[in-house]
């Protein structure tokens, strides 16, 4: 079994902030204090999906030099 180890532990705060900003944009107010078990899989999935989309966009911009 592979451990869920952060490659860049210093990025944890930035990723958390991104998660809460995206949740807010999606209309999930108080996401930080919400019991995620009370949200649907779709709601939680949207947050993770949009995080992934933004991270890929950021990497593509960085790789292209823009």
Protein backbone atom coordinates (compact mmCIF):
# COMPACT_ATOMS: atom_id res chain seq x y z
CA UNK A 1 0.00 0.00 0.00
CA UNK A 2 1.34 3.42 -0.97
CA UNK A 3 1.42 6.10 1.73
CA UNK A 4 -0.31 9.41 1.08
CA UNK A 5 2.85 11.48 1.53
CA UNK A 6 3.03 15.11 0.45
CA UNK A 7 5.85 15.80 -1.99
CA UNK A 8 5.98 19.49 -1.00
CA UNK A 9 4.63 19.79 2.56
CA UNK A 10 4.99 23.58 2.42
CA UNK A 11 2.18 23.70 -0.16
CA UNK A 12 -0.42 22.36 2.28
CA UNK A 13 -1.65 25.82 3.33
CA UNK A 14 -1.92 27.05 -0.27
CA UNK A 15 -3.84 23.94 -1.32
CA UNK A 16 -6.23 24.31 1.62
CA UNK A 17 -6.83 27.95 0.72
CA UNK A 18 -7.48 26.98 -2.89
CA UNK A 19 -9.95 24.32 -1.77
CA UNK A 20 -11.96 26.80 0.31
CA UNK A 21 -11.95 29.44 -2.43
CA UNK A 22 -13.22 26.93 -4.99
CA UNK A 23 -15.89 25.64 -2.60
CA UNK A 24 -17.05 29.20 -2.05
CA UNK A 25 -17.20 29.82 -5.82
CA UNK A 26 -19.31 26.67 -6.15
CA UNK A 27 -21.76 27.96 -3.54
CA UNK A 28 -20.61 25.72 -0.70
CA UNK A 29 -20.42 28.36 2.00
CA UNK A 30 -18.75 27.40 5.29
CA UNK A 31 -17.03 24.48 3.56
CA UNK A 32 -14.17 24.69 6.04
CA UNK A 33 -16.42 23.96 9.01
CA UNK A 34 -18.95 21.75 7.22
CA UNK A 35 -19.00 18.03 7.99
CA UNK A 36 -18.00 16.68 4.57
CA UNK A 37 -19.97 13.51 5.32
CA UNK A 38 -23.15 15.57 5.10
CA UNK A 39 -22.35 16.68 1.56
CA UNK A 40 -23.09 14.60 -1.50
CA UNK A 41 -20.33 12.81 -3.36
CA UNK A 42 -21.06 15.15 -6.27
CA UNK A 43 -20.51 18.26 -4.14
CA UNK A 44 -17.25 16.96 -2.71
CA UNK A 45 -16.19 15.73 -6.15
CA UNK A 46 -16.75 19.13 -7.73
CA UNK A 47 -14.34 20.73 -5.28
CA UNK A 48 -11.62 18.17 -5.95
CA UNK A 49 -12.25 18.22 -9.68
CA UNK A 50 -11.99 21.98 -9.96
CA UNK A 51 -8.83 21.94 -7.82
CA UNK A 52 -7.27 19.45 -10.21
CA UNK A 53 -8.37 21.49 -13.23
CA UNK A 54 -6.80 24.68 -11.84
CA UNK A 55 -3.57 22.93 -10.84
CA UNK A 56 -3.23 21.48 -14.35
CA UNK A 57 -3.89 24.92 -15.87
CA UNK A 58 -1.23 26.45 -13.60
CA UNK A 59 1.29 23.77 -14.58
CA UNK A 60 0.55 24.20 -18.28
CA UNK A 61 1.06 27.98 -18.03
CA UNK A 62 4.30 27.49 -16.14
CA UNK A 63 5.57 24.93 -18.65
CA UNK A 64 4.70 27.14 -21.60
CA UNK A 65 6.48 30.11 -20.04
CA UNK A 66 3.37 32.29 -19.80
